[in-house]
């Protein structure tokens, strides 16, 4: 139940960790897109999705560790 509570707190904006992580990821994506490589056009969406999952799992894990 602690994981669900932590996830609810993260989604409802009661922390800055998740929004900052996603913003950093999107800025990195914009920078990589500016390089205009074929690899980014092929795998850019998957890389962003994997990054969002890593940020979400990391913030939920960090939030449940303190309880």
PDB file of N, CA and C in Angstrom:
ATOM      1  N   UNK A   1       0.817  -1.191   0.000  1.00  0.00           N
ATOM      2  CA  UNK A   1       0.000   0.000   0.000  1.00  0.00           C
ATOM      3  C   UNK A   1       0.866   1.262   0.000  1.00  0.00           C
ATOM      4  N   UNK A   2       2.073   1.174   0.511  1.00  0.00           N
ATOM      5  CA  UNK A   2       2.960   2.330   0.562  1.00  0.00           C
ATOM      6  C   UNK A   2       3.342   2.785  -0.841  1.00  0.00           C
ATOM      7  N   UNK A   3       3.542   1.836  -1.755  1.00  0.00           N
ATOM      8  CA  UNK A   3       3.914   2.192  -3.121  1.00  0.00           C
ATOM      9  C   UNK A   3       2.777   2.961  -3.785  1.00  0.00           C
ATOM     10  N   UNK A   4       1.555   2.526  -3.596  1.00  0.00           N
ATOM     11  CA  UNK A   4       0.409   3.229  -4.178  1.00  0.00           C
ATOM     12  C   UNK A   4       0.253   4.626  -3.594  1.00  0.00           C
ATOM     13  N   UNK A   5       0.479   4.758  -2.307  1.00  0.00           N
ATOM     14  CA  UNK A   5       0.388   6.071  -1.672  1.00  0.00           C
ATOM     15  C   UNK A   5       1.470   6.996  -2.225  1.00  0.00           C
ATOM     16  N   UNK A   6       2.683   6.477  -2.365  1.00  0.00           N
ATOM     17  CA  UNK A   6       3.780   7.276  -2.896  1.00  0.00           C
ATOM     18  C   UNK A   6       3.513   7.658  -4.340  1.00  0.00           C
ATOM     19  N   UNK A   7       3.002   6.732  -5.136  1.00  0.00           N
ATOM     20  CA  UNK A   7       2.686   7.024  -6.529  1.00  0.00           C
ATOM     21  C   UNK A   7       1.609   8.101  -6.622  1.00  0.00           C
ATOM     22  N   UNK A   8       0.612   8.028  -5.768  1.00  0.00           N
ATOM     23  CA  UNK A   8      -0.447   9.042  -5.752  1.00  0.00           C
ATOM     24  C   UNK A   8       0.137  10.415  -5.411  1.00  0.00           C
ATOM     25  N   UNK A   9       1.019  10.466  -4.438  1.00  0.00           N
ATOM     26  CA  UNK A   9       1.641  11.736  -4.065  1.00  0.00           C
ATOM     27  C   UNK A   9       2.474  12.302  -5.213  1.00  0.00           C
ATOM     28  N   UNK A  10       3.184  11.421  -5.925  1.00  0.00           N
ATOM     29  CA  UNK A  10       4.005  11.879  -7.037  1.00  0.00           C
ATOM     30  C   UNK A  10       3.148  12.407  -8.186  1.00  0.00           C
ATOM     31  N   UNK A  11       2.095  11.704  -8.507  1.00  0.00           N
ATOM     32  CA  UNK A  11       1.252  12.096  -9.635  1.00  0.00           C
ATOM     33  C   UNK A  11       0.471  13.371  -9.322  1.00  0.00           C
ATOM     34  N   UNK A  12       0.050  13.547  -8.113  1.00  0.00           N
ATOM     35  CA  UNK A  12      -0.730  14.721  -7.753  1.00  0.00           C
ATOM     36  C   UNK A  12       0.126  15.965  -7.528  1.00  0.00           C
ATOM     37  N   UNK A  13       1.421  15.853  -7.707  1.00  0.00           N
ATOM     38  CA  UNK A  13       2.286  17.018  -7.680  1.00  0.00           C
ATOM     39  C   UNK A  13       2.747  17.460  -6.311  1.00  0.00           C
ATOM     40  N   UNK A  14       2.772  16.564  -5.353  1.00  0.00           N
ATOM     41  CA  UNK A  14       3.210  16.955  -4.022  1.00  0.00           C
ATOM     42  C   UNK A  14       4.713  16.774  -3.852  1.00  0.00           C
ATOM     43  N   UNK A  15       5.417  16.609  -4.946  1.00  0.00           N
ATOM     44  CA  UNK A  15       6.865  16.508  -4.933  1.00  0.00           C
ATOM     45  C   UNK A  15       7.408  17.135  -6.210  1.00  0.00           C
ATOM     46  N   UNK A  16       8.656  17.511  -6.206  1.00  0.00           N
ATOM     47  CA  UNK A  16       9.275  18.099  -7.383  1.00  0.00           C
ATOM     48  C   UNK A  16      10.160  17.110  -8.113  1.00  0.00           C
ATOM     49  N   UNK A  17      10.404  15.946  -7.557  1.00  0.00           N
ATOM     50  CA  UNK A  17      11.323  14.986  -8.149  1.00  0.00           C
ATOM     51  C   UNK A  17      10.832  14.492  -9.506  1.00  0.00           C
ATOM     52  N   UNK A  18       9.598  14.065  -9.583  1.00  0.00           N
ATOM     53  CA  UNK A  18       9.061  13.525 -10.836  1.00  0.00           C
ATOM     54  C   UNK A  18       8.970  14.580 -11.934  1.00  0.00           C
ATOM     55  N   UNK A  19       8.396  15.753 -11.674  1.00  0.00           N
ATOM     56  CA  UNK A  19       8.350  16.761 -12.756  1.00  0.00           C
ATOM     57  C   UNK A  19       9.739  17.214 -13.214  1.00  0.00           C
ATOM     58  N   UNK A  20      10.683  17.354 -12.295  1.00  0.00           N
ATOM     59  CA  UNK A  20      12.039  17.754 -12.687  1.00  0.00           C
ATOM     60  C   UNK A  20      12.723  16.666 -13.503  1.00  0.00           C
ATOM     61  N   UNK A  21      12.508  15.411 -13.138  1.00  0.00           N
ATOM     62  CA  UNK A  21      13.091  14.304 -13.898  1.00  0.00           C
ATOM     63  C   UNK A  21      12.552  14.243 -15.312  1.00  0.00           C
ATOM     64  N   UNK A  22      11.250  14.411 -15.463  1.00  0.00           N
ATOM     65  CA  UNK A  22      10.641  14.377 -16.795  1.00  0.00           C
ATOM     66  C   UNK A  22      11.070  15.601 -17.607  1.00  0.00           C
ATOM     67  N   UNK A  23      11.145  16.752 -16.981  1.00  0.00           N
ATOM     68  CA  UNK A  23      11.592  17.959 -17.689  1.00  0.00           C
ATOM     69  C   UNK A  23      13.033  17.812 -18.169  1.00  0.00           C
ATOM     70  N   UNK A  24      13.884  17.251 -17.342  1.00  0.00           N
ATOM     71  CA  UNK A  24      15.273  17.015 -17.736  1.00  0.00           C
ATOM     72  C   UNK A  24      15.342  16.055 -18.909  1.00  0.00           C
ATOM     73  N   UNK A  25      14.528  15.034 -18.860  1.00  0.00           N
ATOM     74  CA  UNK A  25      14.488  14.066 -19.948  1.00  0.00           C
ATOM     75  C   UNK A  25      14.032  14.716 -21.252  1.00  0.00           C
ATOM     76  N   UNK A  26      13.003  15.547 -21.183  1.00  0.00           N
ATOM     77  CA  UNK A  26      12.519  16.206 -22.391  1.00  0.00           C
ATOM     78  C   UNK A  26      13.540  17.198 -22.950  1.00  0.00           C
ATOM     79  N   UNK A  27      14.239  17.898 -22.087  1.00  0.00           N
ATOM     80  CA  UNK A  27      15.286  18.806 -22.553  1.00  0.00           C
ATOM     81  C   UNK A  27      16.421  18.044 -23.222  1.00  0.00           C
ATOM     82  N   UNK A  28      16.776  16.901 -22.664  1.00  0.00           N
ATOM     83  CA  UNK A  28      17.803  16.058 -23.286  1.00  0.00           C
ATOM     84  C   UNK A  28      17.318  15.559 -24.644  1.00  0.00           C
ATOM     85  N   UNK A  29      16.039  15.223 -24.740  1.00  0.00           N
ATOM     86  CA  UNK A  29      15.479  14.786 -26.011  1.00  0.00           C
ATOM     87  C   UNK A  29      15.519  15.877 -27.065  1.00  0.00           C
ATOM     88  N   UNK A  30      15.209  17.100 -26.663  1.00  0.00           N
ATOM     89  CA  UNK A  30      15.264  18.227 -27.598  1.00  0.00           C
ATOM     90  C   UNK A  30      16.699  18.454 -28.063  1.00  0.00           C
ATOM     91  N   UNK A  31      17.650  18.350 -27.154  1.00  0.00           N
ATOM     92  CA  UNK A  31      19.059  18.534 -27.517  1.00  0.00           C
ATOM     93  C   UNK A  31      19.520  17.437 -28.475  1.00  0.00           C
ATOM     94  N   UNK A  32      19.119  16.203 -28.213  1.00  0.00           N
ATOM     95  CA  UNK A  32      19.514  15.109 -29.099  1.00  0.00           C
ATOM     96  C   UNK A  32      18.821  15.207 -30.460  1.00  0.00           C
ATOM     97  N   UNK A  33      17.607  15.695 -30.462  1.00  0.00           N
ATOM     98  CA  UNK A  33      16.896  15.859 -31.725  1.00  0.00           C
ATOM     99  C   UNK A  33      17.556  16.928 -32.581  1.00  0.00           C
ATOM    100  N   UNK A  34      18.128  17.923 -31.934  1.00  0.00           N
ATOM    101  CA  UNK A  34      18.806  18.993 -32.668  1.00  0.00           C
ATOM    102  C   UNK A  34      20.025  18.457 -33.423  1.00  0.00           C
ATOM    103  N   UNK A  35      20.590  17.357 -32.941  1.00  0.00           N
ATOM    104  CA  UNK A  35      21.732  16.746 -33.636  1.00  0.00           C
ATOM    105  C   UNK A  35      21.295  16.107 -34.953  1.00  0.00           C
ATOM    106  N   UNK A  36      19.991  15.792 -35.074  1.00  0.00           N
ATOM    107  CA  UNK A  36      19.395  15.267 -36.301  1.00  0.00           C
ATOM    108  C   UNK A  36      20.099  14.001 -36.784  1.00  0.00           C
ATOM    109  N   UNK A  37      20.199  13.034 -35.922  1.00  0.00           N
ATOM    110  CA  UNK A  37      20.806  11.758 -36.303  1.00  0.00           C
ATOM    111  C   UNK A  37      19.725  10.753 -36.674  1.00  0.00           C
ATOM    112  N   UNK A  38      20.090   9.808 -37.482  1.00  0.00           N
ATOM    113  CA  UNK A  38      19.163   8.753 -37.900  1.00  0.00           C
ATOM    114  C   UNK A  38      18.773   7.887 -36.712  1.00  0.00           C
ATOM    115  N   UNK A  39      19.705   7.653 -35.817  1.00  0.00           N
ATOM    116  CA  UNK A  39      19.429   6.834 -34.637  1.00  0.00           C
ATOM    117  C   UNK A  39      18.331   7.466 -33.787  1.00  0.00           C
ATOM    118  N   UNK A  40      18.355   8.789 -33.620  1.00  0.00           N
ATOM    119  CA  UNK A  40      17.327   9.459 -32.811  1.00  0.00           C
ATOM    120  C   UNK A  40      15.965   9.346 -33.476  1.00  0.00           C
ATOM    121  N   UNK A  41      15.931   9.457 -34.811  1.00  0.00           N
ATOM    122  CA  UNK A  41      14.652   9.331 -35.519  1.00  0.00           C
ATOM    123  C   UNK A  41      14.083   7.924 -35.389  1.00  0.00           C
ATOM    124  N   UNK A  42      14.939   6.939 -35.304  1.00  0.00           N
ATOM    125  CA  UNK A  42      14.493   5.543 -35.195  1.00  0.00           C
ATOM    126  C   UNK A  42      14.093   5.167 -33.773  1.00  0.00           C
ATOM    127  N   UNK A  43      14.871   5.588 -32.789  1.00  0.00           N
ATOM    128  CA  UNK A  43      14.686   5.093 -31.426  1.00  0.00           C
ATOM    129  C   UNK A  43      14.376   6.174 -30.400  1.00  0.00           C
ATOM    130  N   UNK A  44      14.142   7.393 -30.822  1.00  0.00           N
ATOM    131  CA  UNK A  44      13.941   8.498 -29.884  1.00  0.00           C
ATOM    132  C   UNK A  44      12.748   8.307 -28.955  1.00  0.00           C
ATOM    133  N   UNK A  45      11.628   7.846 -29.500  1.00  0.00           N
ATOM    134  CA  UNK A  45      10.432   7.631 -28.671  1.00  0.00           C
ATOM    135  C   UNK A  45      10.642   6.556 -27.626  1.00  0.00           C
ATOM    136  N   UNK A  46      11.303   5.488 -28.024  1.00  0.00           N
ATOM    137  CA  UNK A  46      11.593   4.406 -27.073  1.00  0.00           C
ATOM    138  C   UNK A  46      12.540   4.843 -25.973  1.00  0.00           C
ATOM    139  N   UNK A  47      13.505   5.652 -26.341  1.00  0.00           N
ATOM    140  CA  UNK A  47      14.457   6.160 -25.341  1.00  0.00           C
ATOM    141  C   UNK A  47      13.746   7.064 -24.345  1.00  0.00           C
ATOM    142  N   UNK A  48      12.868   7.932 -24.832  1.00  0.00           N
ATOM    143  CA  UNK A  48      12.117   8.805 -23.924  1.00  0.00           C
ATOM    144  C   UNK A  48      11.182   8.003 -23.024  1.00  0.00           C
ATOM    145  N   UNK A  49      10.510   7.001 -23.579  1.00  0.00           N
ATOM    146  CA  UNK A  49       9.630   6.151 -22.775  1.00  0.00           C
ATOM    147  C   UNK A  49      10.412   5.421 -21.695  1.00  0.00           C
ATOM    148  N   UNK A  50      11.550   4.845 -22.064  1.00  0.00           N
ATOM    149  CA  UNK A  50      12.380   4.155 -21.079  1.00  0.00           C
ATOM    150  C   UNK A  50      12.863   5.122 -20.003  1.00  0.00           C
ATOM    151  N   UNK A  51      13.208   6.334 -20.385  1.00  0.00           N
ATOM    152  CA  UNK A  51      13.649   7.328 -19.411  1.00  0.00           C
ATOM    153  C   UNK A  51      12.553   7.707 -18.437  1.00  0.00           C
ATOM    154  N   UNK A  52      11.336   7.870 -18.935  1.00  0.00           N
ATOM    155  CA  UNK A  52      10.213   8.209 -18.057  1.00  0.00           C
ATOM    156  C   UNK A  52       9.943   7.067 -17.080  1.00  0.00           C
ATOM    157  N   UNK A  53      10.028   5.832 -17.557  1.00  0.00           N
ATOM    158  CA  UNK A  53       9.824   4.677 -16.671  1.00  0.00           C
ATOM    159  C   UNK A  53      10.907   4.636 -15.597  1.00  0.00           C
ATOM    160  N   UNK A  54      12.143   4.887 -15.979  1.00  0.00           N
ATOM    161  CA  UNK A  54      13.248   4.887 -15.004  1.00  0.00           C
ATOM    162  C   UNK A  54      13.040   5.989 -13.968  1.00  0.00           C
ATOM    163  N   UNK A  55      12.648   7.175 -14.400  1.00  0.00           N
ATOM    164  CA  UNK A  55      12.406   8.281 -13.463  1.00  0.00           C
ATOM    165  C   UNK A  55      11.255   7.934 -12.522  1.00  0.00           C
ATOM    166  N   UNK A  56      10.172   7.380 -13.056  1.00  0.00           N
ATOM    167  CA  UNK A  56       9.019   7.028 -12.229  1.00  0.00           C
ATOM    168  C   UNK A  56       9.367   5.953 -11.207  1.00  0.00           C
ATOM    169  N   UNK A  57      10.041   4.897 -11.650  1.00  0.00           N
ATOM    170  CA  UNK A  57      10.420   3.816 -10.721  1.00  0.00           C
ATOM    171  C   UNK A  57      11.396   4.337  -9.671  1.00  0.00           C
ATOM    172  N   UNK A  58      12.331   5.173 -10.091  1.00  0.00           N
ATOM    173  CA  UNK A  58      13.303   5.724  -9.140  1.00  0.00           C
ATOM    174  C   UNK A  58      12.672   6.606  -8.083  1.00  0.00           C
ATOM    175  N   UNK A  59      11.730   7.437  -8.476  1.00  0.00           N
ATOM    176  CA  UNK A  59      11.092   8.320  -7.503  1.00  0.00           C
ATOM    177  C   UNK A  59      10.159   7.551  -6.567  1.00  0.00           C
ATOM    178  N   UNK A  60       9.469   6.541  -7.094  1.00  0.00           N
ATOM    179  CA  UNK A  60       8.616   5.724  -6.222  1.00  0.00           C
ATOM    180  C   UNK A  60       9.490   4.934  -5.246  1.00  0.00           C
ATOM    181  N   UNK A  61      10.591   4.390  -5.715  1.00  0.00           N
ATOM    182  CA  UNK A  61      11.489   3.634  -4.824  1.00  0.00           C
ATOM    183  C   UNK A  61      12.082   4.542  -3.747  1.00  0.00           C
ATOM    184  N   UNK A  62      12.465   5.744  -4.130  1.00  0.00           N
ATOM    185  CA  UNK A  62      13.030   6.677  -3.151  1.00  0.00           C
ATOM    186  C   UNK A  62      11.971   7.113  -2.145  1.00  0.00           C
ATOM    187  N   UNK A  63      10.743   7.263  -2.590  1.00  0.00           N
ATOM    188  CA  UNK A  63       9.667   7.672  -1.693  1.00  0.00           C
ATOM    189  C   UNK A  63       9.250   6.600  -0.719  1.00  0.00           C
ATOM    190  N   UNK A  64       9.346   5.342  -1.112  1.00  0.00           N
ATOM    191  CA  UNK A  64       8.946   4.266  -0.203  1.00  0.00           C
ATOM    192  C   UNK A  64      10.069   3.882   0.763  1.00  0.00           C
ATOM    193  N   UNK A  65      11.302   4.209   0.409  1.00  0.00           N
ATOM    194  CA  UNK A  65      12.419   3.878   1.287  1.00  0.00           C
ATOM    195  C   UNK A  65      12.364   4.629   2.614  1.00  0.00           C
ATOM    196  N   UNK A  66      11.868   5.850   2.575  1.00  0.00           N
ATOM    197  CA  UNK A  66      11.839   6.672   3.784  1.00  0.00           C
ATOM    198  C   UNK A  66      10.749   6.301   4.768  1.00  0.00           C
ATOM    199  N   UNK A  67       9.824   5.432   4.394  1.00  0.00           N
ATOM    200  CA  UNK A  67       8.688   5.122   5.266  1.00  0.00           C
ATOM    201  C   UNK A  67       8.881   3.833   5.986  1.00  0.00           C
TER     202      UNK A  67
END
